[in-house]
Amino acid sequence: EQDREKLVAETDSPTGLFGRYVPKWEAMLQSGKFFLGDKATLADVAVFETLDFYRHVFSEEQLQDKLKTFPRVLALHDAVLSLGYVKEWRDVERPKLFLEFAVYAGVVRETLKRD
């Protein structure tokens, strides 16, 4: 729980995801539902994956709450989710590959442990 609280604080900080990057993405999404207009690009998918990793670590509700003040970024997330098999991949296939956060955090800690 302490790890999660620290991560939330970091993502909200001026150099974190919601303090630095999401506001810039919101400003860039002026002329369409994707960064370069009406067609998705790798940039759109990369932003979706970043936000969706946040959703995986915290929750769908927390992501939705964070994006309330960034309606264009929320719309981008939803637009990418509706492409092709993205939703099926996220909800069915990818969970088979992802570790639960507590396990993931333990693996990272062990990996970074110094003798």
Protein backbone atom coordinates (compact mmCIF):
# COMPACT_ATOMS: atom_id res chain seq x y z
CA GLU A 1 0.00 0.00 0.00
CA GLN A 2 2.86 2.36 0.79
CA ASP A 3 4.32 1.65 -2.68
CA ARG A 4 1.04 2.59 -4.32
CA GLU A 5 0.77 5.85 -2.37
CA LYS A 6 4.31 6.76 -3.37
CA LEU A 7 3.57 5.97 -7.01
CA VAL A 8 0.41 8.11 -6.97
CA ALA A 9 2.38 11.02 -5.53
CA GLU A 10 5.06 10.57 -8.19
CA THR A 11 2.56 10.44 -11.05
CA ASP A 12 0.90 13.62 -9.75
CA SER A 13 4.18 15.50 -9.28
CA PRO A 14 5.25 18.26 -11.71
CA THR A 15 7.57 15.77 -13.43
CA GLY A 16 5.12 12.85 -13.33
CA LEU A 17 2.57 11.44 -15.74
CA PHE A 18 -0.36 13.66 -14.70
CA GLY A 19 1.72 16.68 -13.76
CA ARG A 20 3.84 16.89 -16.88
CA TYR A 21 2.82 14.64 -19.76
CA VAL A 22 -0.98 14.39 -19.72
CA PRO A 23 -1.44 18.19 -19.79
CA LYS A 24 0.85 18.38 -22.82
CA TRP A 25 -1.02 15.57 -24.57
CA GLU A 26 -4.31 17.33 -23.83
CA ALA A 27 -2.99 20.51 -25.46
CA MET A 28 -1.80 18.57 -28.52
CA LEU A 29 -5.23 16.99 -29.14
CA GLN A 30 -6.87 20.03 -30.69
CA SER A 31 -7.87 18.99 -34.19
CA GLY A 32 -9.15 15.44 -34.01
CA LYS A 33 -9.57 12.42 -31.83
CA PHE A 34 -5.98 11.32 -32.49
CA PHE A 35 -2.73 13.29 -32.36
CA LEU A 36 -2.48 13.64 -36.14
CA GLY A 37 -6.16 13.96 -36.93
CA ASP A 38 -8.66 11.22 -37.61
CA LYS A 39 -6.32 8.23 -38.03
CA ALA A 40 -4.49 6.49 -35.22
CA THR A 41 -0.70 6.39 -35.25
CA LEU A 42 1.92 4.70 -33.11
CA ALA A 43 1.95 7.81 -30.89
CA ASP A 44 -1.72 7.31 -30.03
CA VAL A 45 -1.17 3.66 -29.18
CA ALA A 46 1.91 4.52 -27.06
CA VAL A 47 -0.09 7.04 -25.01
CA PHE A 48 -2.91 4.51 -24.65
CA GLU A 49 -0.46 1.87 -23.39
CA THR A 50 1.03 4.32 -20.88
CA LEU A 51 -2.39 5.20 -19.51
CA ASP A 52 -3.54 1.61 -19.56
CA PHE A 53 -0.52 0.51 -17.55
CA TYR A 54 -1.60 3.10 -14.94
CA ARG A 55 -5.08 1.53 -15.05
CA HIS A 56 -3.56 -1.90 -14.55
CA VAL A 57 -1.53 -0.80 -11.52
CA PHE A 58 -4.25 1.27 -9.86
CA SER A 59 -7.77 0.77 -11.28
CA GLU A 60 -10.12 1.77 -14.08
CA GLU A 61 -11.92 4.08 -11.65
CA GLN A 62 -8.74 5.87 -10.63
CA LEU A 63 -7.71 6.37 -14.26
CA GLN A 64 -11.14 7.75 -15.14
CA ASP A 65 -10.98 10.07 -12.13
CA LYS A 66 -7.51 11.34 -13.11
CA LEU A 67 -8.64 11.99 -16.69
CA LYS A 68 -11.77 13.97 -15.74
CA THR A 69 -9.83 17.20 -16.23
CA PHE A 70 -8.32 15.94 -19.50
CA PRO A 71 -11.34 15.13 -21.70
CA ARG A 72 -9.37 14.95 -24.97
CA VAL A 73 -6.88 12.47 -23.52
CA LEU A 74 -9.76 10.40 -22.15
CA ALA A 75 -11.38 10.45 -25.60
CA LEU A 76 -8.06 9.38 -27.16
CA HIS A 77 -7.78 6.49 -24.70
CA ASP A 78 -11.34 5.37 -25.48
CA ALA A 79 -10.82 5.77 -29.25
CA VAL A 80 -7.70 3.58 -29.23
CA LEU A 81 -9.49 1.05 -27.02
CA SER A 82 -12.22 0.78 -29.66
CA LEU A 83 -9.78 0.02 -32.50
CA GLY A 84 -9.74 -3.50 -33.90
CA TYR A 85 -9.03 -6.08 -31.20
CA VAL A 86 -7.43 -3.71 -28.69
CA LYS A 87 -10.17 -4.15 -26.08
CA GLU A 88 -10.12 -7.94 -26.41
CA TRP A 89 -6.31 -7.94 -26.17
CA ARG A 90 -6.40 -5.72 -23.08
CA ASP A 91 -9.18 -7.56 -21.28
CA VAL A 92 -8.53 -11.18 -22.26
CA GLU A 93 -5.06 -11.85 -23.65
CA ARG A 94 -2.80 -9.34 -21.92
CA PRO A 95 -3.86 -10.28 -18.36
CA LYS A 96 -2.42 -13.71 -19.04
CA LEU A 97 0.98 -12.03 -19.48
CA PHE A 98 0.94 -9.30 -16.82
CA LEU A 99 1.94 -9.89 -13.22
CA GLU A 100 -0.19 -8.55 -10.40
CA PHE A 101 1.26 -5.28 -9.11
CA ALA A 102 2.48 -6.70 -5.77
CA VAL A 103 4.36 -9.47 -7.58
CA TYR A 104 5.71 -7.03 -10.17
CA ALA A 105 6.90 -4.61 -7.47
CA GLY A 106 8.62 -7.46 -5.63
CA VAL A 107 10.42 -8.57 -8.78
CA VAL A 108 11.58 -5.01 -9.47
CA ARG A 109 12.81 -4.60 -5.89
CA GLU A 110 14.70 -7.89 -6.08
CA THR A 111 16.18 -6.97 -9.45
CA LEU A 112 17.42 -3.62 -8.16
CA LYS A 113 18.76 -4.99 -4.89
CA ARG A 114 22.42 -4.30 -4.45
CA ASP A 115 24.83 -6.52 -2.60
